[in-house]
Protein backbone atom coordinates (compact mmCIF):
# COMPACT_ATOMS: atom_id res chain seq x y z
CA MET A 1 113.29 137.93 122.53
CA ARG A 2 109.67 137.48 121.59
CA GLY A 3 110.68 134.55 119.32
CA THR A 4 112.45 132.90 122.28
CA THR A 5 109.36 133.22 124.45
CA VAL A 6 107.12 131.66 121.78
CA SER A 7 109.64 128.87 121.22
CA THR A 8 109.83 128.11 124.96
CA ALA A 9 106.04 128.15 125.29
CA ALA A 10 105.69 125.75 122.36
CA GLY A 11 108.33 123.47 123.90
CA GLY A 12 106.53 123.58 127.25
CA TRP A 13 103.26 122.77 125.53
CA ARG A 14 104.81 119.78 123.79
CA LEU A 15 106.27 118.56 127.06
CA GLY A 16 102.84 118.92 128.67
CA VAL A 17 101.25 116.85 125.89
CA VAL A 18 103.90 114.14 126.30
CA VAL A 19 103.40 114.07 130.08
CA LEU A 20 99.59 113.90 129.71
CA ALA A 21 99.90 111.11 127.13
CA ALA A 22 102.18 109.16 129.47
CA LEU A 23 99.73 109.62 132.36
CA ALA A 24 96.80 108.52 130.18
CA ALA A 25 98.72 105.42 129.03
CA GLY A 26 99.59 104.58 132.64
CA LEU A 27 95.98 105.01 133.77
CA LEU A 28 94.76 102.83 130.90
CA GLY A 29 97.26 100.16 131.91
CA VAL A 30 96.03 100.23 135.51
CA LEU A 31 92.38 100.01 134.40
CA LEU A 32 93.08 97.09 132.06
CA ALA A 33 95.06 95.27 134.74
CA GLN A 34 92.07 95.40 137.09
CA GLY A 35 90.24 92.77 135.04
CA PRO A 36 86.47 92.26 134.84
CA ALA A 37 83.79 94.29 136.61
CA ARG A 38 84.10 94.54 140.40
CA ALA A 39 81.65 95.59 143.10
CA HIS A 40 80.29 99.13 143.04
CA ASP A 41 81.45 99.79 139.52
CA HIS A 42 77.82 99.87 138.38
CA LEU A 43 78.41 97.48 135.47
CA VAL A 44 76.84 94.10 134.75
CA PRO A 45 79.52 91.62 135.85
CA GLU A 46 81.16 89.13 133.54
CA THR A 47 80.94 85.40 134.27
CA ALA A 48 82.84 82.25 133.37
CA LEU A 49 82.10 78.54 133.66
CA LYS A 50 85.02 76.67 135.22
CA LYS A 51 85.96 73.10 136.10
CA GLY A 52 88.57 73.38 138.83
CA ASP A 53 91.01 76.07 137.68
CA ARG A 54 90.30 75.47 133.99
CA GLY A 55 88.01 77.93 132.25
CA LEU A 56 85.43 76.28 129.97
CA GLN A 57 83.27 79.14 128.69
CA SER A 58 82.60 82.83 129.11
CA GLY A 59 79.05 83.54 130.16
CA THR A 60 76.71 84.69 127.40
CA ARG A 61 74.24 87.35 128.53
CA VAL A 62 70.71 86.14 127.88
CA MET A 63 67.12 87.04 128.61
CA GLU A 64 67.39 90.32 130.50
CA SER A 65 69.62 92.49 132.67
CA SER A 66 68.65 95.51 134.72
CA TRP A 67 71.35 97.71 136.21
CA ARG A 68 71.23 101.17 137.79
CA ARG A 69 74.08 103.59 138.06
CA PRO A 70 74.39 107.10 139.46
CA SER A 71 74.22 109.89 136.92
CA GLY A 72 74.70 113.20 138.70
CA ASP A 73 71.90 113.54 141.26
CA LEU A 74 69.76 110.96 139.47
CA CYS A 75 69.92 107.23 138.80
CA GLU A 76 70.17 105.94 135.27
CA LEU A 77 68.46 102.60 134.58
CA GLU A 78 69.84 100.33 131.88
CA THR A 79 67.51 97.44 131.08
CA THR A 80 68.59 95.25 128.20
CA PHE A 81 66.77 92.32 126.60
CA TYR A 82 68.95 89.67 124.97
CA ARG A 83 68.28 86.89 122.52
CA THR A 84 68.59 83.62 124.41
CA ARG A 85 71.37 81.48 122.95
CA PHE A 86 73.99 79.05 124.20
CA PRO A 87 77.71 78.72 123.51
CA GLU A 88 79.24 75.63 121.91
CA THR A 89 79.17 72.65 124.24
CA ASP A 90 82.03 71.51 126.46
CA SER A 91 82.28 67.85 127.41
CA VAL A 92 82.60 67.00 131.13
CA ALA A 93 82.41 63.81 133.17
CA ALA A 94 79.09 62.87 134.77
CA GLY A 95 79.28 63.99 138.40
CA ALA A 96 81.69 66.84 137.58
CA ARG A 97 81.76 69.76 140.01
CA LEU A 98 81.52 72.98 138.01
CA ARG A 99 81.49 76.61 139.04
CA VAL A 100 79.98 79.74 137.58
CA ARG A 101 82.40 82.50 138.54
CA THR A 102 80.84 85.95 138.79
CA PHE A 103 83.45 88.71 138.66
CA LYS A 104 81.90 91.00 141.26
CA ALA A 105 83.30 91.42 144.78
CA GLN A 106 79.87 91.97 146.33
CA ARG A 107 78.18 88.70 147.33
CA PRO A 108 75.03 88.11 145.29
CA ASP A 109 71.80 88.30 147.28
CA SER A 110 70.59 85.34 145.23
CA PHE A 111 72.11 83.21 142.49
CA GLU A 112 70.27 80.41 140.71
CA ILE A 113 71.29 77.95 138.02
CA ALA A 114 68.54 76.29 135.97
CA ALA A 115 69.27 73.29 133.73
CA TYR A 116 67.29 72.55 130.58
CA ARG A 117 67.48 69.29 128.60
CA ALA A 118 66.94 70.73 125.14
CA VAL A 119 66.55 73.86 123.04
CA ASP A 120 64.22 74.55 120.12
CA ALA A 121 65.25 75.34 116.53
CA GLU A 122 65.85 78.98 117.52
CA GLY A 123 68.08 78.05 120.46
CA ARG A 124 65.58 78.80 123.24
CA PRO A 125 65.21 76.40 126.20
CA VAL A 126 62.36 73.89 125.95
CA GLY A 127 60.23 72.89 128.94
CA GLU A 128 60.72 73.64 132.60
CA GLY A 129 64.21 74.28 133.87
CA ARG A 130 65.35 72.31 136.91
CA LEU A 131 67.08 74.40 139.58
CA LEU A 132 70.43 72.87 140.49
CA GLY A 133 71.63 72.81 144.08
CA ARG A 134 74.61 75.11 144.51
CA THR A 135 76.85 76.65 147.12
CA LEU A 136 78.46 80.10 146.99
CA GLU A 137 82.19 80.36 147.60
CA ARG A 138 84.21 83.55 147.93
CA VAL A 139 87.18 84.02 145.55
CA VAL A 140 90.02 85.87 147.29
CA GLU A 141 93.16 87.34 145.69
CA ASN A 142 95.76 89.27 147.71
CA GLY A 143 93.45 89.26 150.72
CA ARG A 144 90.52 90.85 148.84
CA THR A 145 87.28 89.32 147.56
CA VAL A 146 87.30 89.61 143.76
CA ALA A 147 84.53 87.22 142.69
CA TRP A 148 82.02 84.60 143.81
CA ASP A 149 81.73 80.99 142.61
CA ALA A 150 78.38 79.21 142.43
CA VAL A 151 79.48 75.56 142.74
CA PHE A 152 77.21 72.78 141.44
CA SER A 153 77.33 69.28 139.91
CA VAL A 154 76.06 67.79 136.66
CA LYS A 155 75.18 64.20 137.52
CA ASN A 156 73.37 62.46 134.66
CA PRO A 157 75.63 60.75 132.08
CA GLY A 158 75.17 61.36 128.34
CA ARG A 159 73.04 64.45 128.80
CA ASP A 160 73.09 68.02 127.53
CA TYR A 161 72.89 70.66 130.23
CA TYR A 162 71.69 73.98 128.82
CA LEU A 163 72.34 76.20 131.82
CA ILE A 164 70.90 79.62 132.59
CA SER A 165 72.23 81.35 135.69
CA GLU A 166 70.69 84.46 137.23
CA GLY A 167 72.19 86.69 139.89
CA HIS A 168 70.66 89.50 141.94
CA TRP A 169 72.54 92.20 143.87
CA GLN A 170 71.19 95.03 145.99
CA ASP A 171 73.17 98.12 145.01
CA ARG A 172 74.80 99.30 148.23
CA GLU A 173 76.28 102.47 146.77
CA GLY A 174 74.52 104.88 144.54
CA CYS A 175 70.94 103.96 143.67
CA GLY A 176 70.12 101.22 146.18
CA ASP A 177 67.97 99.14 143.82
CA ASP A 178 67.88 95.47 142.88
CA GLN A 179 70.19 94.72 139.95
CA TYR A 180 70.12 91.44 138.04
CA ALA A 181 71.40 89.65 134.98
CA SER A 182 71.32 86.19 133.38
CA TRP A 183 74.04 84.22 131.58
CA SER A 184 74.00 80.95 129.63
CA PHE A 185 76.40 78.00 129.42
CA HIS A 186 76.27 74.59 127.75
CA VAL A 187 77.93 71.33 128.78
CA LYS A 188 77.35 67.69 127.89
CA THR A 189 78.21 64.89 130.26
CA ARG A 190 80.08 61.88 128.91
CA ALA A 191 78.23 58.54 128.98
């Protein structure tokens, strides 16, 4: 009888492992299906440069980001300094309306896009950046805000636009501090 009890316990243990593995796989699937960082997840959001519905580039984190997240009763600060660099260029028509999509449901408190004409040999912007006029538009899926688009135009023909965008958010859950990050993009307008 003792052998039967051990055998049943081992079988129950195996069944428990299988059930836990299935639950973990299901949870992982749900997390992966959620996509990029959303509001109040305490992560630096991802960005993408788009023309209409077509994605051109993923944002490259540059310069600096500073993000706080709760850690027990304290707040943990993550400040990261990045090497400034730009992705390969995408060609767009002069006058094209582009959008930097920020995958965070919370509206940014501020969002700027600076355009530079050139970079040095190490890939850093040269000279003063020119702030581009932009509007912020909410991105809604299934009735919920999932991202924000900073919409702007690149007007001058035959020109490189080395773009650096910077967003700021006031953390409304957790630590309550200013959080910010910068991303780079690169387009060239056709002559």
